Amino acid sequence: MKRLCLIAATTLIAMTLNAGAADGSAIYTKECTKCHGADGKGDTPMGKKLKCKDLSVEAAKLGEAKIATAIKEGLKEGDKVRMKAFKDLSDADVQALAKYVLTLKK
């Protein structure tokens, strides 16, 4: 009986922690697909207009830390903003999104 209670408590704690965890896939769908597309290739009307890089290729080159920085600070090319900064995302959201972007690599 004690063992069953321990298993139930552990499961409940794990479920609670996961419920609060950021969902990188959902954030990507909401914030990124209009430019980068669902597959990260940038093959959308807006992505083509902005000349978005193919994240399925670039993700592996950049790595998680650089992706997270780009999400948080945005990207500029000279004075031109290439990607807006997502300042409203929490650190956990940024990390979850960066991890998800890495799953797009070829």
PDB file of N, CA and C in Angstrom:
ATOM      1  N   MET A   1       0.823  -1.192   0.000  1.00  0.00           N
ATOM      2  CA  MET A   1       0.000   0.000   0.000  1.00  0.00           C
ATOM      3  C   MET A   1       0.864   1.252   0.000  1.00  0.00           C
ATOM      4  N   LYS A   2       1.925   1.237   0.827  1.00  0.00           N
ATOM      5  CA  LYS A   2       2.813   2.396   0.872  1.00  0.00           C
ATOM      6  C   LYS A   2       3.462   2.624  -0.487  1.00  0.00           C
ATOM      7  N   ARG A   3       3.829   1.527  -1.131  1.00  0.00           N
ATOM      8  CA  ARG A   3       4.484   1.622  -2.438  1.00  0.00           C
ATOM      9  C   ARG A   3       3.526   2.224  -3.481  1.00  0.00           C
ATOM     10  N   LEU A   4       2.282   1.825  -3.444  1.00  0.00           N
ATOM     11  CA  LEU A   4       1.267   2.347  -4.356  1.00  0.00           C
ATOM     12  C   LEU A   4       1.063   3.847  -4.135  1.00  0.00           C
ATOM     13  N   CYS A   5       1.024   4.268  -2.881  1.00  0.00           N
ATOM     14  CA  CYS A   5       0.879   5.697  -2.565  1.00  0.00           C
ATOM     15  C   CYS A   5       2.090   6.481  -3.060  1.00  0.00           C
ATOM     16  N   LEU A   6       3.265   5.918  -2.898  1.00  0.00           N
ATOM     17  CA  LEU A   6       4.486   6.584  -3.361  1.00  0.00           C
ATOM     18  C   LEU A   6       4.482   6.735  -4.891  1.00  0.00           C
ATOM     19  N   ILE A   7       4.081   5.695  -5.595  1.00  0.00           N
ATOM     20  CA  ILE A   7       3.997   5.746  -7.060  1.00  0.00           C
ATOM     21  C   ILE A   7       2.969   6.783  -7.492  1.00  0.00           C
ATOM     22  N   ALA A   8       1.820   6.801  -6.829  1.00  0.00           N
ATOM     23  CA  ALA A   8       0.769   7.766  -7.168  1.00  0.00           C
ATOM     24  C   ALA A   8       1.246   9.195  -6.924  1.00  0.00           C
ATOM     25  N   ALA A   9       1.908   9.432  -5.817  1.00  0.00           N
ATOM     26  CA  ALA A   9       2.410  10.767  -5.497  1.00  0.00           C
ATOM     27  C   ALA A   9       3.466  11.211  -6.499  1.00  0.00           C
ATOM     28  N   THR A  10       4.363  10.317  -6.855  1.00  0.00           N
ATOM     29  CA  THR A  10       5.410  10.630  -7.834  1.00  0.00           C
ATOM     30  C   THR A  10       4.796  10.964  -9.187  1.00  0.00           C
ATOM     31  N   THR A  11       3.805  10.196  -9.600  1.00  0.00           N
ATOM     32  CA  THR A  11       3.122  10.440 -10.870  1.00  0.00           C
ATOM     33  C   THR A  11       2.416  11.788 -10.849  1.00  0.00           C
ATOM     34  N   LEU A  12       1.757  12.111  -9.754  1.00  0.00           N
ATOM     35  CA  LEU A  12       1.050  13.383  -9.623  1.00  0.00           C
ATOM     36  C   LEU A  12       2.024  14.557  -9.690  1.00  0.00           C
ATOM     37  N   ILE A  13       3.141  14.447  -9.038  1.00  0.00           N
ATOM     38  CA  ILE A  13       4.151  15.513  -9.074  1.00  0.00           C
ATOM     39  C   ILE A  13       4.688  15.683 -10.485  1.00  0.00           C
ATOM     40  N   ALA A  14       4.989  14.606 -11.163  1.00  0.00           N
ATOM     41  CA  ALA A  14       5.500  14.670 -12.538  1.00  0.00           C
ATOM     42  C   ALA A  14       4.480  15.305 -13.470  1.00  0.00           C
ATOM     43  N   MET A  15       3.214  14.946 -13.317  1.00  0.00           N
ATOM     44  CA  MET A  15       2.164  15.533 -14.157  1.00  0.00           C
ATOM     45  C   MET A  15       2.026  17.029 -13.903  1.00  0.00           C
ATOM     46  N   THR A  16       2.131  17.447 -12.665  1.00  0.00           N
ATOM     47  CA  THR A  16       2.033  18.864 -12.314  1.00  0.00           C
ATOM     48  C   THR A  16       3.194  19.638 -12.919  1.00  0.00           C
ATOM     49  N   LEU A  17       4.388  19.098 -12.834  1.00  0.00           N
ATOM     50  CA  LEU A  17       5.552  19.773 -13.399  1.00  0.00           C
ATOM     51  C   LEU A  17       5.444  19.880 -14.912  1.00  0.00           C
ATOM     52  N   ASN A  18       5.001  18.826 -15.572  1.00  0.00           N
ATOM     53  CA  ASN A  18       4.858  18.843 -17.024  1.00  0.00           C
ATOM     54  C   ASN A  18       3.760  19.777 -17.487  1.00  0.00           C
ATOM     55  N   ALA A  19       2.706  19.941 -16.699  1.00  0.00           N
ATOM     56  CA  ALA A  19       1.608  20.827 -17.082  1.00  0.00           C
ATOM     57  C   ALA A  19       2.082  22.273 -17.147  1.00  0.00           C
ATOM     58  N   GLY A  20       3.049  22.631 -16.297  1.00  0.00           N
ATOM     59  CA  GLY A  20       3.562  23.992 -16.287  1.00  0.00           C
ATOM     60  C   GLY A  20       4.712  24.206 -17.250  1.00  0.00           C
ATOM     61  N   ALA A  21       5.197  23.140 -17.834  1.00  0.00           N
ATOM     62  CA  ALA A  21       6.345  23.241 -18.732  1.00  0.00           C
ATOM     63  C   ALA A  21       5.936  23.917 -20.035  1.00  0.00           C
ATOM     64  N   ALA A  22       6.854  24.688 -20.579  1.00  0.00           N
ATOM     65  CA  ALA A  22       6.606  25.374 -21.845  1.00  0.00           C
ATOM     66  C   ALA A  22       6.514  24.357 -22.973  1.00  0.00           C
ATOM     67  N   ASP A  23       5.653  24.636 -23.930  1.00  0.00           N
ATOM     68  CA  ASP A  23       5.462  23.752 -25.074  1.00  0.00           C
ATOM     69  C   ASP A  23       6.060  24.420 -26.306  1.00  0.00           C
ATOM     70  N   GLY A  24       7.280  24.026 -26.650  1.00  0.00           N
ATOM     71  CA  GLY A  24       7.989  24.635 -27.775  1.00  0.00           C
ATOM     72  C   GLY A  24       7.255  24.491 -29.086  1.00  0.00           C
ATOM     73  N   SER A  25       6.606  23.362 -29.301  1.00  0.00           N
ATOM     74  CA  SER A  25       5.869  23.129 -30.538  1.00  0.00           C
ATOM     75  C   SER A  25       4.705  24.111 -30.674  1.00  0.00           C
ATOM     76  N   ALA A  26       3.948  24.303 -29.593  1.00  0.00           N
ATOM     77  CA  ALA A  26       2.810  25.225 -29.625  1.00  0.00           C
ATOM     78  C   ALA A  26       3.269  26.665 -29.832  1.00  0.00           C
ATOM     79  N   ILE A  27       4.368  27.040 -29.188  1.00  0.00           N
ATOM     80  CA  ILE A  27       4.906  28.395 -29.349  1.00  0.00           C
ATOM     81  C   ILE A  27       5.368  28.590 -30.786  1.00  0.00           C
ATOM     82  N   TYR A  28       6.056  27.598 -31.336  1.00  0.00           N
ATOM     83  CA  TYR A  28       6.522  27.684 -32.718  1.00  0.00           C
ATOM     84  C   TYR A  28       5.337  27.857 -33.666  1.00  0.00           C
ATOM     85  N   THR A  29       4.304  27.049 -33.471  1.00  0.00           N
ATOM     86  CA  THR A  29       3.118  27.129 -34.327  1.00  0.00           C
ATOM     87  C   THR A  29       2.498  28.516 -34.256  1.00  0.00           C
ATOM     88  N   LYS A  30       2.401  29.060 -33.070  1.00  0.00           N
ATOM     89  CA  LYS A  30       1.760  30.369 -32.882  1.00  0.00           C
ATOM     90  C   LYS A  30       2.623  31.516 -33.397  1.00  0.00           C
ATOM     91  N   GLU A  31       3.913  31.485 -33.112  1.00  0.00           N
ATOM     92  CA  GLU A  31       4.765  32.642 -33.355  1.00  0.00           C
ATOM     93  C   GLU A  31       5.644  32.565 -34.605  1.00  0.00           C
ATOM     94  N   CYS A  32       5.939  31.367 -35.081  1.00  0.00           N
ATOM     95  CA  CYS A  32       6.998  31.226 -36.085  1.00  0.00           C
ATOM     96  C   CYS A  32       6.556  30.718 -37.454  1.00  0.00           C
ATOM     97  N   THR A  33       5.464  29.978 -37.500  1.00  0.00           N
ATOM     98  CA  THR A  33       5.107  29.317 -38.760  1.00  0.00           C
ATOM     99  C   THR A  33       4.728  30.275 -39.880  1.00  0.00           C
ATOM    100  N   LYS A  34       4.231  31.462 -39.542  1.00  0.00           N
ATOM    101  CA  LYS A  34       3.833  32.378 -40.616  1.00  0.00           C
ATOM    102  C   LYS A  34       5.024  32.785 -41.481  1.00  0.00           C
ATOM    103  N   CYS A  35       6.208  32.794 -40.913  1.00  0.00           N
ATOM    104  CA  CYS A  35       7.417  33.118 -41.690  1.00  0.00           C
ATOM    105  C   CYS A  35       8.227  31.868 -42.018  1.00  0.00           C
ATOM    106  N   HIS A  36       8.481  31.037 -41.005  1.00  0.00           N
ATOM    107  CA  HIS A  36       9.370  29.885 -41.182  1.00  0.00           C
ATOM    108  C   HIS A  36       8.672  28.637 -41.698  1.00  0.00           C
ATOM    109  N   GLY A  37       7.343  28.595 -41.607  1.00  0.00           N
ATOM    110  CA  GLY A  37       6.605  27.417 -42.041  1.00  0.00           C
ATOM    111  C   GLY A  37       6.663  26.307 -41.013  1.00  0.00           C
ATOM    112  N   ALA A  38       5.748  25.368 -41.122  1.00  0.00           N
ATOM    113  CA  ALA A  38       5.667  24.262 -40.162  1.00  0.00           C
ATOM    114  C   ALA A  38       6.933  23.416 -40.146  1.00  0.00           C
ATOM    115  N   ASP A  39       7.600  23.313 -41.300  1.00  0.00           N
ATOM    116  CA  ASP A  39       8.807  22.487 -41.388  1.00  0.00           C
ATOM    117  C   ASP A  39      10.099  23.281 -41.201  1.00  0.00           C
ATOM    118  N   GLY A  40       9.977  24.595 -41.017  1.00  0.00           N
ATOM    119  CA  GLY A  40      11.154  25.434 -40.777  1.00  0.00           C
ATOM    120  C   GLY A  40      11.891  25.875 -42.022  1.00  0.00           C
ATOM    121  N   LYS A  41      11.405  25.514 -43.181  1.00  0.00           N
ATOM    122  CA  LYS A  41      12.138  25.800 -44.418  1.00  0.00           C
ATOM    123  C   LYS A  41      11.972  27.235 -44.920  1.00  0.00           C
ATOM    124  N   GLY A  42      11.034  27.996 -44.332  1.00  0.00           N
ATOM    125  CA  GLY A  42      10.839  29.381 -44.752  1.00  0.00           C
ATOM    126  C   GLY A  42      10.121  29.500 -46.080  1.00  0.00           C
ATOM    127  N   ASP A  43       9.479  28.428 -46.488  1.00  0.00           N
ATOM    128  CA  ASP A  43       8.815  28.379 -47.794  1.00  0.00           C
ATOM    129  C   ASP A  43       7.349  28.821 -47.672  1.00  0.00           C
ATOM    130  N   THR A  44       7.148  30.015 -47.101  1.00  0.00           N
ATOM    131  CA  THR A  44       5.825  30.620 -46.975  1.00  0.00           C
ATOM    132  C   THR A  44       5.880  31.952 -47.722  1.00  0.00           C
ATOM    133  N   PRO A  45       4.743  32.538 -48.044  1.00  0.00           N
ATOM    134  CA  PRO A  45       4.786  33.848 -48.707  1.00  0.00           C
ATOM    135  C   PRO A  45       5.611  34.878 -47.916  1.00  0.00           C
ATOM    136  N   MET A  46       5.387  34.940 -46.605  1.00  0.00           N
ATOM    137  CA  MET A  46       6.137  35.891 -45.775  1.00  0.00           C
ATOM    138  C   MET A  46       7.600  35.481 -45.675  1.00  0.00           C
ATOM    139  N   GLY A  47       7.851  34.194 -45.540  1.00  0.00           N
ATOM    140  CA  GLY A  47       9.228  33.697 -45.464  1.00  0.00           C
ATOM    141  C   GLY A  47      10.019  34.013 -46.721  1.00  0.00           C
ATOM    142  N   LYS A  48       9.374  33.855 -47.875  1.00  0.00           N
ATOM    143  CA  LYS A  48      10.036  34.176 -49.149  1.00  0.00           C
ATOM    144  C   LYS A  48      10.304  35.678 -49.247  1.00  0.00           C
ATOM    145  N   LYS A  49       9.320  36.472 -48.821  1.00  0.00           N
ATOM    146  CA  LYS A  49       9.477  37.930 -48.870  1.00  0.00           C
ATOM    147  C   LYS A  49      10.641  38.388 -47.987  1.00  0.00           C
ATOM    148  N   LEU A  50      10.745  37.796 -46.808  1.00  0.00           N
ATOM    149  CA  LEU A  50      11.793  38.167 -45.862  1.00  0.00           C
ATOM    150  C   LEU A  50      13.107  37.409 -46.090  1.00  0.00           C
ATOM    151  N   LYS A  51      13.086  36.471 -47.026  1.00  0.00           N
ATOM    152  CA  LYS A  51      14.250  35.629 -47.313  1.00  0.00           C
ATOM    153  C   LYS A  51      14.732  34.889 -46.063  1.00  0.00           C
ATOM    154  N   CYS A  52      13.769  34.242 -45.396  1.00  0.00           N
ATOM    155  CA  CYS A  52      14.083  33.478 -44.184  1.00  0.00           C
ATOM    156  C   CYS A  52      15.017  32.327 -44.515  1.00  0.00           C
ATOM    157  N   LYS A  53      15.938  32.084 -43.615  1.00  0.00           N
ATOM    158  CA  LYS A  53      16.839  30.944 -43.782  1.00  0.00           C
ATOM    159  C   LYS A  53      16.099  29.663 -43.440  1.00  0.00           C
ATOM    160  N   ASP A  54      16.527  28.584 -44.019  1.00  0.00           N
ATOM    161  CA  ASP A  54      15.956  27.272 -43.800  1.00  0.00           C
ATOM    162  C   ASP A  54      16.425  26.753 -42.436  1.00  0.00           C
ATOM    163  N   LEU A  55      15.517  26.772 -41.462  1.00  0.00           N
ATOM    164  CA  LEU A  55      15.885  26.329 -40.116  1.00  0.00           C
ATOM    165  C   LEU A  55      16.226  24.851 -40.053  1.00  0.00           C
ATOM    166  N   SER A  56      15.733  24.077 -41.007  1.00  0.00           N
ATOM    167  CA  SER A  56      16.072  22.655 -40.987  1.00  0.00           C
ATOM    168  C   SER A  56      17.551  22.452 -41.285  1.00  0.00           C
ATOM    169  N   VAL A  57      18.187  23.447 -41.883  1.00  0.00           N
ATOM    170  CA  VAL A  57      19.626  23.411 -42.154  1.00  0.00           C
ATOM    171  C   VAL A  57      20.379  24.246 -41.110  1.00  0.00           C
ATOM    172  N   GLU A  58      19.882  25.450 -40.842  1.00  0.00           N
ATOM    173  CA  GLU A  58      20.570  26.390 -39.965  1.00  0.00           C
ATOM    174  C   GLU A  58      20.580  25.982 -38.498  1.00  0.00           C
ATOM    175  N   ALA A  59      19.545  25.276 -38.041  1.00  0.00           N
ATOM    176  CA  ALA A  59      19.457  24.901 -36.628  1.00  0.00           C
ATOM    177  C   ALA A  59      20.682  24.130 -36.167  1.00  0.00           C
ATOM    178  N   ALA A  60      21.126  23.184 -36.969  1.00  0.00           N
ATOM    179  CA  ALA A  60      22.283  22.373 -36.601  1.00  0.00           C
ATOM    180  C   ALA A  60      23.545  23.228 -36.516  1.00  0.00           C
ATOM    181  N   LYS A  61      23.664  24.226 -37.383  1.00  0.00           N
ATOM    182  CA  LYS A  61      24.841  25.100 -37.374  1.00  0.00           C
ATOM    183  C   LYS A  61      24.850  26.031 -36.168  1.00  0.00           C
ATOM    184  N   LEU A  62      23.662  26.519 -35.778  1.00  0.00           N
ATOM    185  CA  LEU A  62      23.578  27.523 -34.726  1.00  0.00           C
ATOM    186  C   LEU A  62      23.687  26.946 -33.322  1.00  0.00           C
ATOM    187  N   GLY A  63      22.964  25.887 -33.048  1.00  0.00           N
ATOM    188  CA  GLY A  63      22.936  25.325 -31.706  1.00  0.00           C
ATOM    189  C   GLY A  63      21.909  26.035 -30.835  1.00  0.00           C
ATOM    190  N   GLU A  64      21.570  25.414 -29.737  1.00  0.00           N
ATOM    191  CA  GLU A  64      20.496  25.888 -28.872  1.00  0.00           C
ATOM    192  C   GLU A  64      20.726  27.282 -28.302  1.00  0.00           C
ATOM    193  N   ALA A  65      21.935  27.569 -27.851  1.00  0.00           N
ATOM    194  CA  ALA A  65      22.209  28.869 -27.219  1.00  0.00           C
ATOM    195  C   ALA A  65      22.024  30.025 -28.205  1.00  0.00           C
ATOM    196  N   LYS A  66      22.536  29.874 -29.412  1.00  0.00           N
ATOM    197  CA  LYS A  66      22.400  30.946 -30.408  1.00  0.00           C
ATOM    198  C   LYS A  66      20.957  31.090 -30.875  1.00  0.00           C
ATOM    199  N   ILE A  67      20.250  30.001 -30.964  1.00  0.00           N
ATOM    200  CA  ILE A  67      18.835  30.061 -31.334  1.00  0.00           C
ATOM    201  C   ILE A  67      18.067  30.814 -30.254  1.00  0.00           C
ATOM    202  N   ALA A  68      18.326  30.488 -28.998  1.00  0.00           N
ATOM    203  CA  ALA A  68      17.655  31.163 -27.878  1.00  0.00           C
ATOM    204  C   ALA A  68      17.953  32.660 -27.881  1.00  0.00           C
ATOM    205  N   THR A  69      19.195  33.033 -28.146  1.00  0.00           N
ATOM    206  CA  THR A  69      19.556  34.449 -28.205  1.00  0.00           C
ATOM    207  C   THR A  69      18.816  35.146 -29.338  1.00  0.00           C
ATOM    208  N   ALA A  70      18.728  34.511 -30.485  1.00  0.00           N
ATOM    209  CA  ALA A  70      18.013  35.097 -31.625  1.00  0.00           C
ATOM    210  C   ALA A  70      16.532  35.287 -31.299  1.00  0.00           C
ATOM    211  N   ILE A  71      15.945  34.345 -30.597  1.00  0.00           N
ATOM    212  CA  ILE A  71      14.538  34.450 -30.219  1.00  0.00           C
ATOM    213  C   ILE A  71      14.345  35.614 -29.259  1.00  0.00           C
ATOM    214  N   LYS A  72      15.201  35.699 -28.278  1.00  0.00           N
ATOM    215  CA  LYS A  72      15.069  36.715 -27.227  1.00  0.00           C
ATOM    216  C   LYS A  72      15.429  38.116 -27.717  1.00  0.00           C
ATOM    217  N   GLU A  73      16.469  38.228 -28.541  1.00  0.00           N
ATOM    218  CA  GLU A  73      16.969  39.543 -28.956  1.00  0.00           C
ATOM    219  C   GLU A  73      16.580  39.924 -30.384  1.00  0.00           C
ATOM    220  N   GLY A  74      16.098  38.962 -31.168  1.00  0.00           N
ATOM    221  CA  GLY A  74      15.797  39.219 -32.557  1.00  0.00           C
ATOM    222  C   GLY A  74      17.065  39.182 -33.396  1.00  0.00           C
ATOM    223  N   LEU A  75      16.900  39.412 -34.690  1.00  0.00           N
ATOM    224  CA  LEU A  75      18.050  39.408 -35.600  1.00  0.00           C
ATOM    225  C   LEU A  75      18.041  40.680 -36.429  1.00  0.00           C
ATOM    226  N   LYS A  76      19.203  41.287 -36.560  1.00  0.00           N
ATOM    227  CA  LYS A  76      19.350  42.473 -37.395  1.00  0.00           C
ATOM    228  C   LYS A  76      20.436  42.233 -38.428  1.00  0.00           C
ATOM    229  N   GLU A  77      20.274  42.874 -39.551  1.00  0.00           N
ATOM    230  CA  GLU A  77      21.286  42.872 -40.601  1.00  0.00           C
ATOM    231  C   GLU A  77      21.535  44.344 -40.906  1.00  0.00           C
ATOM    232  N   GLY A  78      22.604  44.878 -40.330  1.00  0.00           N
ATOM    233  CA  GLY A  78      22.815  46.321 -40.392  1.00  0.00           C
ATOM    234  C   GLY A  78      21.729  47.003 -39.579  1.00  0.00           C
ATOM    235  N   ASP A  79      21.020  47.942 -40.173  1.00  0.00           N
ATOM    236  CA  ASP A  79      19.922  48.619 -39.483  1.00  0.00           C
ATOM    237  C   ASP A  79      18.580  47.921 -39.709  1.00  0.00           C
ATOM    238  N   LYS A  80      18.552  46.907 -40.571  1.00  0.00           N
ATOM    239  CA  LYS A  80      17.318  46.231 -40.924  1.00  0.00           C
ATOM    240  C   LYS A  80      17.030  45.085 -39.942  1.00  0.00           C
ATOM    241  N   VAL A  81      15.830  45.089 -39.398  1.00  0.00           N
ATOM    242  CA  VAL A  81      15.406  44.001 -38.511  1.00  0.00           C
ATOM    243  C   VAL A  81      15.002  42.808 -39.370  1.00  0.00           C
ATOM    244  N   ARG A  82      15.695  41.691 -39.202  1.00  0.00           N
ATOM    245  CA  ARG A  82      15.401  40.468 -39.965  1.00  0.00           C
ATOM    246  C   ARG A  82      14.368  39.610 -39.240  1.00  0.00           C
ATOM    247  N   MET A  83      14.392  39.654 -37.900  1.00  0.00           N
ATOM    248  CA  MET A  83      13.418  38.932 -37.093  1.00  0.00           C
ATOM    249  C   MET A  83      13.204  39.723 -35.811  1.00  0.00           C
ATOM    250  N   LYS A  84      11.942  39.945 -35.475  1.00  0.00           N
ATOM    251  CA  LYS A  84      11.644  40.697 -34.258  1.00  0.00           C
ATOM    252  C   LYS A  84      12.046  39.899 -33.014  1.00  0.00           C
ATOM    253  N   ALA A  85      12.342  40.614 -31.962  1.00  0.00           N
ATOM    254  CA  ALA A  85      12.640  39.978 -30.679  1.00  0.00           C
ATOM    255  C   ALA A  85      11.330  39.543 -30.029  1.00  0.00           C
ATOM    256  N   PHE A  86      11.337  38.416 -29.386  1.00  0.00           N
ATOM    257  CA  PHE A  86      10.163  37.926 -28.677  1.00  0.00           C
ATOM    258  C   PHE A  86      10.385  38.153 -27.185  1.00  0.00           C
ATOM    259  N   LYS A  87      10.262  39.399 -26.775  1.00  0.00           N
ATOM    260  CA  LYS A  87      10.550  39.793 -25.396  1.00  0.00           C
ATOM    261  C   LYS A  87       9.490  39.330 -24.407  1.00  0.00           C
ATOM    262  N   ASP A  88       8.296  39.002 -24.895  1.00  0.00           N
ATOM    263  CA  ASP A  88       7.222  38.579 -24.004  1.00  0.00           C
ATOM    264  C   ASP A  88       7.314  37.115 -23.597  1.00  0.00           C
ATOM    265  N   LEU A  89       8.193  36.367 -24.234  1.00  0.00           N
ATOM    266  CA  LEU A  89       8.354  34.957 -23.879  1.00  0.00           C
ATOM    267  C   LEU A  89       9.194  34.819 -22.617  1.00  0.00           C
ATOM    268  N   SER A  90       8.789  33.930 -21.746  1.00  0.00           N
ATOM    269  CA  SER A  90       9.580  33.659 -20.536  1.00  0.00           C
ATOM    270  C   SER A  90      10.856  32.921 -20.934  1.00  0.00           C
ATOM    271  N   ASP A  91      11.791  32.862 -20.020  1.00  0.00           N
ATOM    272  CA  ASP A  91      13.034  32.120 -20.283  1.00  0.00           C
ATOM    273  C   ASP A  91      12.725  30.647 -20.581  1.00  0.00           C
ATOM    274  N   ALA A  92      11.759  30.091 -19.861  1.00  0.00           N
ATOM    275  CA  ALA A  92      11.377  28.692 -20.094  1.00  0.00           C
ATOM    276  C   ALA A  92      10.778  28.532 -21.491  1.00  0.00           C
ATOM    277  N   ASP A  93       9.971  29.500 -21.920  1.00  0.00           N
ATOM    278  CA  ASP A  93       9.391  29.451 -23.263  1.00  0.00           C
ATOM    279  C   ASP A  93      10.477  29.538 -24.328  1.00  0.00           C
ATOM    280  N   VAL A  94      11.437  30.430 -24.128  1.00  0.00           N
ATOM    281  CA  VAL A  94      12.532  30.592 -25.086  1.00  0.00           C
ATOM    282  C   VAL A  94      13.327  29.300 -25.197  1.00  0.00           C
ATOM    283  N   GLN A  95      13.641  28.684 -24.070  1.00  0.00           N
ATOM    284  CA  GLN A  95      14.399  27.441 -24.085  1.00  0.00           C
ATOM    285  C   GLN A  95      13.609  26.322 -24.756  1.00  0.00           C
ATOM    286  N   ALA A  96      12.311  26.241 -24.457  1.00  0.00           N
ATOM    287  CA  ALA A  96      11.476  25.207 -25.078  1.00  0.00           C
ATOM    288  C   ALA A  96      11.393  25.419 -26.588  1.00  0.00           C
ATOM    289  N   LEU A  97      11.263  26.674 -27.002  1.00  0.00           N
ATOM    290  CA  LEU A  97      11.194  26.981 -28.427  1.00  0.00           C
ATOM    291  C   LEU A  97      12.515  26.671 -29.115  1.00  0.00           C
ATOM    292  N   ALA A  98      13.630  27.031 -28.493  1.00  0.00           N
ATOM    293  CA  ALA A  98      14.949  26.740 -29.063  1.00  0.00           C
ATOM    294  C   ALA A  98      15.149  25.233 -29.215  1.00  0.00           C
ATOM    295  N   LYS A  99      14.744  24.480 -28.211  1.00  0.00           N
ATOM    296  CA  LYS A  99      14.849  23.008 -28.298  1.00  0.00           C
ATOM    297  C   LYS A  99      13.974  22.481 -29.431  1.00  0.00           C
ATOM    298  N   TYR A 100      12.781  23.054 -29.585  1.00  0.00           N
ATOM    299  CA  TYR A 100      11.911  22.596 -30.660  1.00  0.00           C
ATOM    300  C   TYR A 100      12.520  22.914 -32.030  1.00  0.00           C
ATOM    301  N   VAL A 101      13.077  24.091 -32.186  1.00  0.00           N
ATOM    302  CA  VAL A 101      13.698  24.467 -33.469  1.00  0.00           C
ATOM    303  C   VAL A 101      14.781  23.460 -33.841  1.00  0.00           C
ATOM    304  N   LEU A 102      15.508  22.976 -32.857  1.00  0.00           N
ATOM    305  CA  LEU A 102      16.539  21.974 -33.130  1.00  0.00           C
ATOM    306  C   LEU A 102      15.956  20.676 -33.692  1.00  0.00           C
ATOM    307  N   THR A 103      14.703  20.394 -33.397  1.00  0.00           N
ATOM    308  CA  THR A 103      14.083  19.171 -33.923  1.00  0.00           C
ATOM    309  C   THR A 103      13.776  19.302 -35.413  1.00  0.00           C
ATOM    310  N   LEU A 104      13.838  20.514 -35.960  1.00  0.00           N
ATOM    311  CA  LEU A 104      13.556  20.738 -37.367  1.00  0.00           C
ATOM    312  C   LEU A 104      14.730  20.399 -38.270  1.00  0.00           C
ATOM    313  N   LYS A 105      15.921  20.209 -37.657  1.00  0.00           N
ATOM    314  CA  LYS A 105      17.114  19.980 -38.478  1.00  0.00           C
ATOM    315  C   LYS A 105      17.012  18.689 -39.261  1.00  0.00           C
ATOM    316  N   LYS A 106      17.667  18.690 -40.392  1.00  0.00           N
ATOM    317  CA  LYS A 106      17.661  17.519 -41.284  1.00  0.00           C
ATOM    318  C   LYS A 106      18.493  16.411 -40.709  1.00  0.00           C
TER     319      LYS A 106
END
